[in-house]
Amino acid sequence: MKVRFDIDCTPEEARRFFGLPDVTALQADILEAMRSRMLANIQSMDAERLLRTWMPSGSEGWEQMMKNFWSQMGSAAKTTKRD
């Protein structure tokens, strides 16, 4: 036995029916705060400072990253079964 209900309503009507709170104003406030923070951070971005953050020890950090990359590739090649 199958029982099927098709309810045609908007999300707003469903929210009110189930008694859920209306958080659209709160969501808009949070999004605006996030937007203003992101814009402030974008304006203060400096390419040199970003590179120093990502690679603090200069070329040593790059070499370490390459070693990690090749060791991962080597271990992946060992686990791959060849025909």
Protein backbone atom coordinates (compact mmCIF):
# COMPACT_ATOMS: atom_id res chain seq x y z
CA MET A 1 0.00 0.00 0.00
CA LYS A 2 1.39 3.38 -0.99
CA VAL A 3 0.19 6.70 0.22
CA ARG A 4 1.42 9.79 -1.50
CA PHE A 5 0.88 13.43 -0.61
CA ASP A 6 1.80 16.24 -2.95
CA ILE A 7 1.95 19.53 -1.12
CA ASP A 8 2.30 22.63 -3.21
CA CYS A 9 3.58 25.47 -1.06
CA THR A 10 6.37 27.98 -0.92
CA PRO A 11 9.29 27.63 1.50
CA GLU A 12 7.83 30.57 3.44
CA GLU A 13 4.48 28.76 3.86
CA ALA A 14 6.20 25.52 4.90
CA ARG A 15 8.32 27.37 7.47
CA ARG A 16 5.27 29.01 8.99
CA PHE A 17 3.33 25.72 9.00
CA PHE A 18 6.08 23.93 10.96
CA GLY A 19 6.53 26.90 13.29
CA LEU A 20 10.13 27.60 12.35
CA PRO A 21 11.50 31.09 12.99
CA ASP A 22 12.03 33.56 10.19
CA VAL A 23 15.79 34.09 9.99
CA THR A 24 15.99 35.98 6.72
CA ALA A 25 16.90 39.27 8.44
CA LEU A 26 19.61 37.54 10.51
CA GLN A 27 20.98 35.84 7.41
CA ALA A 28 21.09 39.16 5.54
CA ASP A 29 22.97 40.80 8.45
CA ILE A 30 25.52 37.97 8.60
CA LEU A 31 26.08 38.06 4.85
CA GLU A 32 26.59 41.83 4.93
CA ALA A 33 29.11 41.51 7.79
CA MET A 34 30.99 38.80 5.89
CA ARG A 35 30.95 40.91 2.73
CA SER A 36 32.37 43.95 4.51
CA ARG A 37 35.14 41.88 6.15
CA MET A 38 36.07 40.25 2.84
CA LEU A 39 36.22 43.62 1.08
CA ALA A 40 38.41 45.04 3.85
CA ASN A 41 40.78 42.07 3.61
CA ILE A 42 40.96 42.26 -0.18
CA GLN A 43 41.94 45.92 -0.02
CA SER A 44 44.78 45.20 2.37
CA MET A 45 46.13 42.28 0.32
CA ASP A 46 49.78 42.45 -0.59
CA ALA A 47 51.31 39.82 -2.90
CA GLU A 48 54.68 39.85 -1.15
CA ARG A 49 53.10 39.35 2.28
CA LEU A 50 50.98 36.49 0.93
CA LEU A 51 54.04 34.73 -0.45
CA ARG A 52 55.85 35.15 2.85
CA THR A 53 52.86 33.59 4.60
CA TRP A 54 52.61 30.66 2.22
CA MET A 55 56.37 30.03 2.00
CA PRO A 56 57.86 31.38 5.23
CA SER A 57 61.32 29.94 4.72
CA GLY A 58 61.73 31.02 1.10
CA SER A 59 63.16 28.40 -1.21
CA GLU A 60 63.50 25.88 1.62
CA GLY A 61 59.71 25.74 1.89
CA TRP A 62 59.44 25.20 -1.86
CA GLU A 63 62.02 22.40 -1.75
CA GLN A 64 60.17 20.73 1.13
CA MET A 65 56.91 20.94 -0.78
CA MET A 66 58.54 19.34 -3.85
CA LYS A 67 60.01 16.54 -1.73
CA ASN A 68 56.58 15.85 -0.25
CA PHE A 69 55.02 15.88 -3.72
CA TRP A 70 57.53 13.43 -5.18
CA SER A 71 57.35 11.11 -2.18
CA GLN A 72 53.55 10.98 -2.53
CA MET A 73 53.85 10.31 -6.27
CA GLY A 74 56.42 7.58 -5.61
CA SER A 75 54.25 5.84 -3.03
CA ALA A 76 51.25 6.06 -5.37
CA ALA A 77 53.27 4.49 -8.19
CA LYS A 78 54.35 1.61 -5.94
CA THR A 79 50.78 0.79 -4.95
CA THR A 80 49.54 0.86 -8.57
CA LYS A 81 49.36 -2.62 -10.03
CA ARG A 82 51.03 -2.91 -13.42
CA ASP A 83 49.94 -5.25 -16.21
